[in-house]
C-alpha atoms as a PDB file:
ATOM      1  CA  MET A   1      80.783 128.006 128.542  1.00  0.00           C
ATOM      2  CA  ALA A   2      77.935 127.837 130.975  1.00  0.00           C
ATOM      3  CA  GLY A   3      74.554 127.368 129.366  1.00  0.00           C
ATOM      4  CA  SER A   4      75.982 126.788 125.899  1.00  0.00           C
ATOM      5  CA  THR A   5      74.992 123.945 123.652  1.00  0.00           C
ATOM      6  CA  SER A   6      77.084 121.533 121.631  1.00  0.00           C
ATOM      7  CA  PRO A   7      79.346 123.228 119.047  1.00  0.00           C
ATOM      8  CA  VAL A   8      77.723 121.194 116.276  1.00  0.00           C
ATOM      9  CA  SER A   9      75.871 123.691 114.120  1.00  0.00           C
ATOM     10  CA  VAL A  10      75.066 121.583 111.067  1.00  0.00           C
ATOM     11  CA  LEU A  11      72.959 118.479 111.602  1.00  0.00           C
ATOM     12  CA  ILE A  12      72.890 116.352 108.504  1.00  0.00           C
ATOM     13  CA  THR A  13      69.735 114.390 109.141  1.00  0.00           C
ATOM     14  CA  ALA A  14      69.024 114.121 105.421  1.00  0.00           C
ATOM     15  CA  ARG A  15      72.002 111.788 105.125  1.00  0.00           C
ATOM     16  CA  VAL A  16      70.966 109.426 107.903  1.00  0.00           C
ATOM     17  CA  ARG A  17      70.678 105.964 106.371  1.00  0.00           C
ATOM     18  CA  LYS A  18      68.861 104.424 109.327  1.00  0.00           C
ATOM     19  CA  GLU A  19      69.310 103.857 113.047  1.00  0.00           C
ATOM     20  CA  ARG A  20      70.945 101.056 114.975  1.00  0.00           C
ATOM     21  CA  ALA A  21      71.031 100.336 118.699  1.00  0.00           C
ATOM     22  CA  VAL A  22      74.476 100.860 120.244  1.00  0.00           C
ATOM     23  CA  ILE A  23      75.658 100.572 123.815  1.00  0.00           C
ATOM     24  CA  ASN A  24      76.219 103.804 125.715  1.00  0.00           C
ATOM     25  CA  THR A  25      79.495 103.059 127.501  1.00  0.00           C
ATOM     26  CA  GLU A  26      78.672 105.470 130.315  1.00  0.00           C
ATOM     27  CA  THR A  27      75.294 103.933 131.196  1.00  0.00           C
ATOM     28  CA  GLY A  28      75.664 100.393 129.828  1.00  0.00           C
ATOM     29  CA  GLU A  29      72.265 100.796 128.156  1.00  0.00           C
ATOM     30  CA  PHE A  30      71.365 100.476 124.489  1.00  0.00           C
ATOM     31  CA  GLU A  31      70.341 103.672 122.690  1.00  0.00           C
ATOM     32  CA  PRO A  32      69.502 104.472 119.070  1.00  0.00           C
ATOM     33  CA  ALA A  33      72.341 105.850 116.944  1.00  0.00           C
ATOM     34  CA  ALA A  34      72.010 107.366 113.493  1.00  0.00           C
ATOM     35  CA  LEU A  35      73.985 105.663 110.709  1.00  0.00           C
ATOM     36  CA  TYR A  36      75.733 107.982 108.236  1.00  0.00           C
ATOM     37  CA  ASP A  37      77.266 107.056 104.884  1.00  0.00           C
ATOM     38  CA  ARG A  38      80.843 108.380 105.069  1.00  0.00           C
ATOM     39  CA  SER A  39      81.043 108.977 101.314  1.00  0.00           C
ATOM     40  CA  ALA A  40      78.066 111.370 101.561  1.00  0.00           C
ATOM     41  CA  LEU A  41      79.692 113.601 104.209  1.00  0.00           C
ATOM     42  CA  ALA A  42      81.386 116.753 102.915  1.00  0.00           C
ATOM     43  CA  ALA A  43      84.097 118.876 104.512  1.00  0.00           C
ATOM     44  CA  GLY A  44      82.701 121.124 107.232  1.00  0.00           C
ATOM     45  CA  GLU A  45      79.707 118.933 107.994  1.00  0.00           C
ATOM     46  CA  ALA A  46      79.189 117.989 111.611  1.00  0.00           C
ATOM     47  CA  LEU A  47      77.072 115.579 113.568  1.00  0.00           C
ATOM     48  CA  SER A  48      76.360 114.855 117.178  1.00  0.00           C
ATOM     49  CA  GLY A  49      76.652 111.423 118.788  1.00  0.00           C
ATOM     50  CA  PRO A  50      75.396 108.891 119.248  1.00  0.00           C
ATOM     51  CA  ALA A  51      76.102 108.032 115.632  1.00  0.00           C
ATOM     52  CA  VAL A  52      77.960 105.543 113.468  1.00  0.00           C
ATOM     53  CA  ILE A  53      79.801 106.717 110.345  1.00  0.00           C
ATOM     54  CA  VAL A  54      79.876 103.766 107.948  1.00  0.00           C
ATOM     55  CA  GLU A  55      82.522 103.232 105.275  1.00  0.00           C
ATOM     56  CA  LYS A  56      83.203 100.339 102.916  1.00  0.00           C
ATOM     57  CA  ASP A  57      85.841  98.726 105.153  1.00  0.00           C
ATOM     58  CA  THR A  58      85.254 100.250 108.585  1.00  0.00           C
ATOM     59  CA  ALA A  59      82.972 102.261 110.821  1.00  0.00           C
ATOM     60  CA  THR A  60      83.551 105.090 113.276  1.00  0.00           C
ATOM     61  CA  VAL A  61      81.404 105.085 116.403  1.00  0.00           C
ATOM     62  CA  VAL A  62      80.629 108.538 117.774  1.00  0.00           C
ATOM     63  CA  SER A  63      79.416 108.055 121.326  1.00  0.00           C
ATOM     64  CA  ALA A  64      76.801 110.264 122.947  1.00  0.00           C
ATOM     65  CA  ALA A  65      79.621 112.155 124.666  1.00  0.00           C
ATOM     66  CA  PHE A  66      81.158 113.332 121.367  1.00  0.00           C
ATOM     67  CA  ASP A  67      80.552 115.453 118.283  1.00  0.00           C
ATOM     68  CA  ALA A  68      82.157 114.715 114.914  1.00  0.00           C
ATOM     69  CA  LEU A  69      83.376 117.177 112.293  1.00  0.00           C
ATOM     70  CA  ILE A  70      84.555 116.330 108.771  1.00  0.00           C
ATOM     71  CA  HIS A  71      87.910 118.066 108.260  1.00  0.00           C
ATOM     72  CA  PRO A  72      88.694 119.655 104.842  1.00  0.00           C
ATOM     73  CA  HIS A  73      91.291 116.889 104.265  1.00  0.00           C
ATOM     74  CA  GLY A  74      88.677 114.214 104.949  1.00  0.00           C
ATOM     75  CA  HIS A  75      89.604 113.336 108.524  1.00  0.00           C
ATOM     76  CA  ILE A  76      86.877 112.748 111.090  1.00  0.00           C
ATOM     77  CA  ILE A  77      87.583 114.993 114.097  1.00  0.00           C
ATOM     78  CA  LEU A  78      85.921 113.876 117.333  1.00  0.00           C
ATOM     79  CA  THR A  79      85.492 116.395 120.158  1.00  0.00           C
ATOM     80  CA  ARG A  80      84.115 115.657 123.603  1.00  0.00           C
ATOM     81  CA  LYS A  81      80.933 117.678 124.142  1.00  0.00           C
ATOM     82  CA  GLY A  82      81.463 120.632 126.435  1.00  0.00           C
ATOM     83  CA  GLN A  83      85.140 121.031 125.483  1.00  0.00           C
ATOM     84  CA  SER A  84      86.454 123.515 122.971  1.00  0.00           C
ATOM     85  CA  SER A  85      88.889 122.312 120.327  1.00  0.00           C
END
């Protein structure tokens, strides 16, 4: 898909709790990543990395190379940017 943008169509910036610096594994540099409260994410919502989805007992890191989608059954689906699912 030449010239297309990321498939993420819904950015949920209202649910960003704050930002935290994370390491970009491709560059080795720190970059800001939005922190999202997992319990506030509904099915069908999507976000673009870099981001961290925080839960009570764990966290999911979404690198800058990925997008995340909340599946209707609650799963977090990660897709590499530029690839169709």
